[in-house]
Amino acid sequence: MAKKNNDIIKQEKEIPKEVMAKLVQSRENILNDQIKQEKKKFQIKYKKQMGITLAIAAALILIAMINPQINTAIKNAFGISQDSGVAVVENNGIQNELHLTSTDKGREITLTKFISTKKKFAFDYQFKLDDEKLKELLKKQRSPDRLFTKNATNAQDIQLGLFVNDSDEDLFSGVTSQSTFRTEGDTFYGSVVATFNQEKIPEDAKLTLHIYKLLWQDAEELDQAFAEASKTGSPFGVDNALEYEGDWRFDIEYKPLTQTADTQISNAKNITDIKAISDPLQTTIQFIAPLQEFNSPENLLSPEVALYKDGVQAEDQLFTQIYNLETGEIEVSINLSSLDKTSIYKVQVNKVDYSSGEVMEEIGFFELQNKESRSPK
């Protein structure tokens, strides 16, 4: 089982307006046949994920525009408890605390929380912060004067693997992940929340989590590379300044949660074929919206899903957005727990300006609510 996973948790970096202007110019060059481009079919938009730097040009395809509206209870929480799906599970008294330790190459890591469903898992870990080089790198990363995206100040690059029932097959692929950290005193606290693009974890699974590598870049070097790249819109990146590499293994005693819910759809406008599947950590929703006008390189507008919880915008609870511009199919995952039978969510599809993110007009919307939570037969 000592297989290392080559999939790296990635982050979408926010692009300043001047850089985005260059990207738009590049797109105009495409339209003028100065650059060739395959016909686009899909757009995939992720909640901000933490890890290695992507090329600026990737922002033409993958852009996440998040304006968190976080309620007080979640905002004051730490680790995976900040995820509203996890918070609902914890508030229902479902156990997720652990104290599993693993040591490799002189570094001890403790797994303090772990929770999963068939499609999503989350965990907290910690280790002693006794490395002066790491302390300096973290100080640079959290500097308020950084040129690079402020949202990267708590980003953590991590490589991991997830195995079931002592199998050699690593499940950690086809996954959208968010990895963050905080420090307190002489302790480093890390958190990971990950959603698969399909159900991959069996309900009777005995899971084993592996942490293979923790990586850090020098924020000052990254900012300098970013500043140079912003002048031309070219790709950029820097080498890792520090790596903790090993195989920290944790055998999980908790099986995946399987409670489901009857999710009712109401007040649909200009949206059809709505289907929702809810588990204790999230709800996956599929539907069809009129997206045909976006399926051409001449169009500088883009579809964008906005999420509202009880009338308040809640983009922090919108984890992924996947669009098929030819068929109009959209799939989103939101942090609506099957155990939550009171919250009313509104899913709204907007037409936004590609460069500024400004909402131009509403395309359609619908509402959903879990009426009854149940365990499978």
Protein backbone atom coordinates (compact mmCIF):
# COMPACT_ATOMS: atom_id res chain seq x y z
CA MET A 1 0.00 0.00 0.00
CA ALA A 2 3.04 2.24 0.03
CA LYS A 3 1.99 3.76 -3.29
CA LYS A 4 2.49 7.46 -3.70
CA ASN A 5 -0.17 9.53 -5.32
CA ASN A 6 0.99 11.87 -8.06
CA ASP A 7 -2.20 13.96 -8.00
CA ILE A 8 -1.41 17.29 -6.36
CA ILE A 9 -4.00 19.46 -4.75
CA LYS A 10 -4.09 22.56 -6.89
CA GLN A 11 -5.16 26.12 -6.37
CA GLU A 12 -6.86 28.51 -8.66
CA LYS A 13 -5.16 31.88 -8.22
CA GLU A 14 -7.14 35.09 -8.48
CA ILE A 15 -6.02 37.26 -11.39
CA PRO A 16 -5.71 41.04 -11.03
CA LYS A 17 -7.68 43.21 -13.46
CA GLU A 18 -4.60 44.26 -15.45
CA VAL A 19 -3.61 40.62 -15.97
CA MET A 20 -7.15 39.65 -16.87
CA ALA A 21 -7.13 42.43 -19.47
CA LYS A 22 -4.14 40.74 -21.09
CA LEU A 23 -5.99 37.44 -21.04
CA VAL A 24 -8.96 39.06 -22.75
CA GLN A 25 -6.60 40.50 -25.35
CA SER A 26 -5.18 37.04 -25.89
CA ARG A 27 -8.70 35.76 -26.41
CA GLU A 28 -9.31 38.50 -28.98
CA ASN A 29 -6.17 37.30 -30.76
CA ILE A 30 -7.76 33.87 -30.89
CA LEU A 31 -10.86 35.37 -32.47
CA ASN A 32 -8.69 37.08 -35.08
CA ASP A 33 -7.09 33.72 -35.94
CA GLN A 34 -3.74 34.81 -34.52
CA ILE A 35 -3.93 31.88 -32.11
CA LYS A 36 -5.78 28.63 -32.80
CA GLN A 37 -8.07 27.13 -30.18
CA GLU A 38 -10.14 23.96 -30.02
CA LYS A 39 -13.88 24.44 -29.67
CA LYS A 40 -14.69 24.60 -25.98
CA LYS A 41 -17.29 22.26 -24.57
CA PHE A 42 -16.84 22.36 -20.83
CA GLN A 43 -16.17 24.85 -18.09
CA ILE A 44 -15.23 23.62 -14.64
CA LYS A 45 -15.24 26.03 -11.74
CA TYR A 46 -13.93 25.02 -8.35
CA LYS A 47 -14.01 26.50 -4.94
CA LYS A 48 -10.54 27.82 -4.14
CA GLN A 49 -8.16 24.93 -3.63
CA MET A 50 -4.73 25.02 -2.08
CA GLY A 51 -1.42 23.98 -3.58
CA ILE A 52 0.97 24.49 -6.50
CA THR A 53 0.82 27.55 -8.75
CA LEU A 54 -1.12 27.20 -12.00
CA ALA A 55 -0.27 29.01 -15.21
CA ILE A 56 -2.05 32.32 -15.51
CA ALA A 57 -3.47 31.21 -18.84
CA ALA A 58 -5.51 28.55 -17.03
CA ALA A 59 -7.73 31.33 -15.78
CA LEU A 60 -9.32 31.42 -19.23
CA ILE A 61 -10.87 28.05 -18.40
CA LEU A 62 -10.94 27.80 -14.61
CA ILE A 63 -12.06 30.85 -12.65
CA ALA A 64 -13.51 30.83 -9.16
CA MET A 65 -15.13 34.04 -8.00
CA ILE A 66 -15.92 33.60 -4.34
CA ASN A 67 -17.37 36.22 -2.03
CA PRO A 68 -17.79 34.38 1.26
CA GLN A 69 -20.79 35.21 3.41
CA ILE A 70 -19.99 33.07 6.44
CA ASN A 71 -22.25 32.86 9.45
CA THR A 72 -20.77 33.61 12.86
CA ALA A 73 -20.70 30.02 14.12
CA ILE A 74 -18.79 28.75 11.09
CA LYS A 75 -16.51 31.78 10.97
CA ASN A 76 -15.43 31.24 14.57
CA ALA A 77 -14.81 27.52 14.08
CA PHE A 78 -11.46 25.94 13.25
CA GLY A 79 -10.36 23.30 10.79
CA ILE A 80 -12.92 21.19 9.00
CA SER A 81 -15.61 22.48 11.38
CA GLN A 82 -15.66 25.59 9.16
CA ASP A 83 -17.23 23.44 6.43
CA SER A 84 -20.97 23.83 6.97
CA GLY A 85 -21.67 20.19 6.05
CA VAL A 86 -19.17 19.01 8.66
CA ALA A 87 -20.61 21.48 11.18
CA VAL A 88 -24.12 20.06 10.78
CA VAL A 89 -22.82 16.53 11.31
CA GLU A 90 -20.94 17.58 14.45
CA ASN A 91 -23.98 19.45 15.77
CA ASN A 92 -25.95 16.21 15.41
CA GLY A 93 -23.52 14.46 17.74
CA ILE A 94 -21.86 12.24 15.12
CA GLN A 95 -18.36 11.34 16.24
CA ASN A 96 -15.39 12.35 14.10
CA GLU A 97 -12.60 13.00 16.62
CA LEU A 98 -9.48 10.85 16.58
CA HIS A 99 -6.01 10.84 18.07
CA LEU A 100 -3.96 8.78 15.64
CA THR A 101 -0.23 9.40 15.41
CA SER A 102 2.22 8.35 12.72
CA THR A 103 5.97 8.98 12.64
CA ASP A 104 8.27 8.93 9.63
CA LYS A 105 11.75 10.42 9.18
CA GLY A 106 11.62 11.88 12.67
CA ARG A 107 8.40 13.84 12.05
CA GLU A 108 5.28 12.90 14.02
CA ILE A 109 1.88 13.84 12.56
CA THR A 110 -1.36 13.44 14.49
CA LEU A 111 -4.73 12.94 12.81
CA THR A 112 -7.31 14.62 15.06
CA LYS A 113 -10.53 14.45 12.99
CA PHE A 114 -11.78 12.41 10.05
CA ILE A 115 -15.22 12.10 8.49
CA SER A 116 -16.48 10.82 5.16
CA THR A 117 -19.42 9.87 2.99
CA LYS A 118 -19.32 7.92 -0.27
CA LYS A 119 -18.32 11.06 -2.18
CA LYS A 120 -16.63 13.44 0.27
CA PHE A 121 -14.14 13.29 3.12
CA ALA A 122 -12.47 15.77 5.44
CA PHE A 123 -9.77 15.61 8.09
CA ASP A 124 -7.69 17.69 10.49
CA TYR A 125 -4.06 16.98 11.32
CA GLN A 126 -1.30 18.65 13.31
CA PHE A 127 2.40 18.49 14.06
CA LYS A 128 4.95 20.31 16.21
CA LEU A 129 6.18 23.53 14.63
CA ASP A 130 9.88 23.27 15.50
CA ASP A 131 11.46 24.09 12.13
CA GLU A 132 12.84 27.63 11.92
CA LYS A 133 12.88 27.57 8.12
CA LEU A 134 9.20 26.60 8.04
CA LYS A 135 8.34 29.35 10.53
CA GLU A 136 9.98 31.91 8.27
CA LEU A 137 8.19 30.61 5.17
CA LEU A 138 4.81 30.71 6.92
CA LYS A 139 5.50 34.26 8.12
CA LYS A 140 6.15 35.36 4.53
CA GLN A 141 3.07 33.53 3.28
CA ARG A 142 0.78 35.27 5.75
CA SER A 143 2.22 38.75 5.20
CA PRO A 144 -0.55 41.35 4.60
CA ASP A 145 1.73 43.13 2.13
CA ARG A 146 1.88 40.28 -0.38
CA LEU A 147 1.44 41.10 -4.06
CA PHE A 148 0.02 37.69 -4.80
CA THR A 149 -3.55 36.65 -4.01
CA LYS A 150 -4.51 37.25 -0.40
CA ASN A 151 -6.52 34.03 -0.43
CA ALA A 152 -3.27 32.06 -0.62
CA THR A 153 -2.19 33.18 2.86
CA ASN A 154 -3.67 30.05 4.46
CA ALA A 155 -3.10 27.70 1.52
CA GLN A 156 -1.29 24.42 2.09
CA ASP A 157 0.15 22.16 -0.58
CA ILE A 158 -0.25 18.50 0.39
CA GLN A 159 0.00 15.14 -1.37
CA LEU A 160 -1.99 12.26 0.03
CA GLY A 161 -3.57 8.90 -0.73
CA LEU A 162 -6.76 7.14 0.35
CA PHE A 163 -7.19 3.37 0.34
CA VAL A 164 -10.08 1.00 1.10
CA ASN A 165 -9.94 -2.38 2.86
CA ASP A 166 -6.16 -2.76 2.41
CA SER A 167 -6.48 -2.48 -1.38
CA ASP A 168 -3.51 -1.28 -3.44
CA GLU A 169 -5.76 1.05 -5.46
CA ASP A 170 -5.44 4.69 -4.47
CA LEU A 171 -8.86 6.36 -4.55
CA PHE A 172 -7.46 9.86 -4.48
CA SER A 173 -8.05 10.91 -8.08
CA GLY A 174 -10.92 12.66 -9.82
CA VAL A 175 -11.24 14.87 -6.77
CA THR A 176 -11.61 18.55 -5.93
CA SER A 177 -9.79 19.49 -2.73
CA GLN A 178 -9.24 22.42 -0.42
CA SER A 179 -6.27 22.36 1.95
CA THR A 180 -5.66 25.07 4.53
CA PHE A 181 -3.58 25.65 7.66
CA ARG A 182 -3.24 27.79 10.76
CA THR A 183 -0.65 27.97 13.53
CA GLU A 184 -1.03 28.45 17.24
CA GLY A 185 1.99 28.56 19.54
CA ASP A 186 4.36 25.78 18.52
CA THR A 187 1.73 23.74 16.64
CA PHE A 188 0.89 23.59 12.93
CA TYR A 189 -2.78 22.74 12.25
CA GLY A 190 -3.82 21.54 8.77
CA SER A 191 -7.22 20.74 7.26
CA VAL A 192 -8.34 19.06 4.04
CA VAL A 193 -11.83 18.89 2.53
CA ALA A 194 -12.17 16.80 -0.64
CA THR A 195 -15.06 15.92 -2.96
CA PHE A 196 -14.88 13.15 -5.58
CA ASN A 197 -16.55 13.58 -8.96
CA GLN A 198 -18.51 10.38 -8.25
CA GLU A 199 -19.24 8.04 -5.35
CA LYS A 200 -15.96 6.19 -4.75
CA ILE A 201 -15.95 5.18 -1.07
CA PRO A 202 -17.93 1.98 -0.25
CA GLU A 203 -20.36 2.30 2.66
CA ASP A 204 -18.63 -0.54 4.58
CA ALA A 205 -15.14 0.81 3.86
CA LYS A 206 -12.24 0.44 6.23
CA LEU A 207 -10.24 3.47 5.16
CA THR A 208 -6.53 4.15 5.37
CA LEU A 209 -5.26 7.71 4.85
CA HIS A 210 -1.68 8.40 3.81
CA ILE A 211 0.06 11.77 3.90
CA TYR A 212 3.02 11.60 1.53
CA LYS A 213 4.31 15.13 1.29
CA LEU A 214 3.84 18.66 2.65
CA LEU A 215 5.31 21.44 0.51
CA TRP A 216 5.99 25.14 0.90
CA GLN A 217 7.13 27.88 -1.47
CA ASP A 218 8.87 31.14 -0.63
CA ALA A 219 6.11 33.78 -0.88
CA GLU A 220 8.58 36.55 -1.73
CA GLU A 221 9.98 34.56 -4.65
CA LEU A 222 6.45 33.72 -5.75
CA ASP A 223 5.39 37.36 -5.62
CA GLN A 224 8.41 38.39 -7.68
CA ALA A 225 7.66 35.74 -10.32
CA PHE A 226 4.02 36.83 -10.32
CA ALA A 227 4.95 40.48 -10.82
CA GLU A 228 7.14 39.62 -13.81
CA ALA A 229 4.51 37.34 -15.35
CA SER A 230 1.75 39.94 -14.91
CA LYS A 231 3.57 42.18 -17.38
CA THR A 232 3.21 39.63 -20.16
CA GLY A 233 0.48 37.23 -19.01
CA SER A 234 2.95 34.34 -19.30
CA PRO A 235 2.99 31.25 -17.05
CA PHE A 236 4.96 31.50 -13.84
CA GLY A 237 6.07 29.45 -10.86
CA VAL A 238 8.89 28.83 -8.38
CA ASP A 239 10.55 25.77 -6.93
CA ASN A 240 9.51 24.49 -3.53
CA ALA A 241 11.56 25.99 -0.71
CA LEU A 242 10.83 23.19 1.78
CA GLU A 243 9.34 19.70 1.62
CA TYR A 244 8.41 17.17 4.28
CA GLU A 245 8.36 13.82 2.48
CA GLY A 246 7.50 10.43 3.94
CA ASP A 247 4.59 8.05 4.44
CA TRP A 248 2.42 8.92 7.41
CA ARG A 249 -0.31 6.25 7.62
CA PHE A 250 -3.59 6.39 9.53
CA ASP A 251 -6.11 3.54 9.80
CA ILE A 252 -9.55 5.11 10.20
CA GLU A 253 -12.03 3.52 12.58
CA TYR A 254 -15.08 5.43 11.31
CA LYS A 255 -17.10 4.11 8.38
CA PRO A 256 -18.61 6.49 5.81
CA LEU A 257 -21.89 8.17 6.77
CA THR A 258 -24.82 7.02 4.62
CA GLN A 259 -27.88 9.01 5.77
CA THR A 260 -29.80 10.42 2.81
CA ALA A 261 -32.68 12.86 2.47
CA ASP A 262 -35.71 13.59 0.31
CA THR A 263 -34.70 16.81 -1.40
CA GLN A 264 -37.68 18.78 -2.71
CA ILE A 265 -37.36 21.22 -5.61
CA SER A 266 -39.59 24.29 -5.93
CA ASN A 267 -39.99 27.67 -7.68
CA ALA A 268 -38.00 26.69 -10.76
CA LYS A 269 -37.65 29.34 -13.47
CA ASN A 270 -35.98 28.63 -16.82
CA ILE A 271 -34.25 25.54 -15.32
CA THR A 272 -35.27 21.96 -16.13
CA ASP A 273 -34.45 18.31 -15.33
CA ILE A 274 -33.36 19.06 -11.77
CA LYS A 275 -31.99 16.13 -9.76
CA ALA A 276 -30.46 16.27 -6.27
CA ILE A 277 -28.70 13.65 -4.16
CA SER A 278 -27.97 14.56 -0.55
CA ASP A 279 -25.63 12.92 1.97
CA PRO A 280 -24.55 14.11 5.44
CA LEU A 281 -21.73 16.28 4.09
CA GLN A 282 -23.06 17.67 0.82
CA THR A 283 -25.72 17.70 -1.89
CA THR A 284 -24.94 17.08 -5.55
CA ILE A 285 -27.32 18.79 -7.97
CA GLN A 286 -27.67 18.27 -11.72
CA PHE A 287 -29.89 20.38 -13.99
CA ILE A 288 -30.17 21.93 -17.43
CA ALA A 289 -30.03 25.65 -18.21
CA PRO A 290 -29.99 27.50 -21.56
CA LEU A 291 -26.24 27.84 -22.14
CA GLN A 292 -26.10 27.62 -25.95
CA GLU A 293 -25.12 31.28 -26.37
CA PHE A 294 -21.94 30.69 -24.37
CA ASN A 295 -20.74 27.89 -26.66
CA SER A 296 -18.77 30.05 -29.08
CA PRO A 297 -15.32 31.68 -28.86
CA GLU A 298 -16.85 35.02 -29.86
CA ASN A 299 -18.79 35.21 -26.59
CA LEU A 300 -17.01 37.09 -23.81
CA LEU A 301 -19.71 36.24 -21.26
CA SER A 302 -19.79 33.19 -19.00
CA PRO A 303 -22.40 31.31 -16.95
CA GLU A 304 -21.91 31.39 -13.19
CA VAL A 305 -23.89 29.75 -10.38
CA ALA A 306 -24.74 31.82 -7.32
CA LEU A 307 -25.96 30.14 -4.13
CA TYR A 308 -28.25 31.60 -1.48
CA LYS A 309 -29.05 30.09 1.91
CA ASP A 310 -32.21 31.39 3.56
CA GLY A 311 -32.02 34.49 1.38
CA VAL A 312 -28.34 35.29 2.04
CA GLN A 313 -25.64 34.71 -0.55
CA ALA A 314 -23.50 31.78 0.58
CA GLU A 315 -20.75 31.16 -1.96
CA ASP A 316 -18.57 29.59 0.74
CA GLN A 317 -20.95 26.61 0.59
CA LEU A 318 -20.66 26.16 -3.18
CA PHE A 319 -17.81 23.71 -3.74
CA THR A 320 -17.75 22.86 -7.47
CA GLN A 321 -19.45 23.94 -10.68
CA ILE A 322 -19.24 21.90 -13.89
CA TYR A 323 -20.84 23.09 -17.15
CA ASN A 324 -21.45 21.43 -20.50
CA LEU A 325 -21.93 24.41 -22.79
CA GLU A 326 -23.29 22.30 -25.65
CA THR A 327 -26.04 20.48 -23.75
CA GLY A 328 -26.69 23.05 -21.01
CA GLU A 329 -26.02 20.47 -18.29
CA ILE A 330 -24.71 21.86 -15.01
CA GLU A 331 -23.57 19.95 -11.92
CA VAL A 332 -22.83 21.66 -8.62
CA SER A 333 -21.94 20.35 -5.20
CA ILE A 334 -23.02 22.39 -2.18
CA ASN A 335 -22.48 21.92 1.53
CA LEU A 336 -26.13 21.12 2.26
CA SER A 337 -26.21 18.17 4.66
CA SER A 338 -28.96 15.56 4.47
CA LEU A 339 -29.34 16.14 8.23
CA ASP A 340 -30.33 19.77 7.61
CA LYS A 341 -34.12 19.85 7.19
CA THR A 342 -34.70 23.55 7.82
CA SER A 343 -32.44 25.52 5.46
CA ILE A 344 -33.81 26.68 2.11
CA TYR A 345 -31.25 27.03 -0.68
CA LYS A 346 -31.67 28.96 -3.91
CA VAL A 347 -29.50 28.02 -6.89
CA GLN A 348 -29.31 30.84 -9.44
CA VAL A 349 -27.54 30.80 -12.80
CA ASN A 350 -26.28 34.19 -13.95
CA LYS A 351 -24.67 35.60 -17.05
CA VAL A 352 -21.41 37.28 -16.01
CA ASP A 353 -18.76 39.33 -17.76
CA TYR A 354 -15.78 37.06 -18.37
CA SER A 355 -13.12 39.64 -17.47
CA SER A 356 -14.67 41.47 -14.50
CA GLY A 357 -16.99 38.84 -13.03
CA GLU A 358 -19.83 41.37 -13.00
CA VAL A 359 -23.32 39.85 -13.18
CA MET A 360 -25.01 41.00 -16.38
CA GLU A 361 -28.37 39.27 -16.02
CA GLU A 362 -30.14 36.31 -14.44
CA ILE A 363 -30.59 33.17 -16.55
CA GLY A 364 -32.76 31.11 -14.19
CA PHE A 365 -33.08 29.69 -10.69
CA PHE A 366 -34.74 27.14 -8.40
CA GLU A 367 -35.03 26.41 -4.68
CA LEU A 368 -34.46 23.20 -2.74
CA GLN A 369 -34.93 21.93 0.81
CA ASN A 370 -34.48 18.61 2.59
CA LYS A 371 -37.84 17.60 4.01
CA GLU A 372 -36.99 14.28 5.59
CA SER A 373 -33.72 12.74 6.66
CA ARG A 374 -33.47 8.97 6.69
CA SER A 375 -31.02 6.10 6.83
CA PRO A 376 -30.83 3.69 3.89
CA LYS A 377 -32.67 0.38 4.18
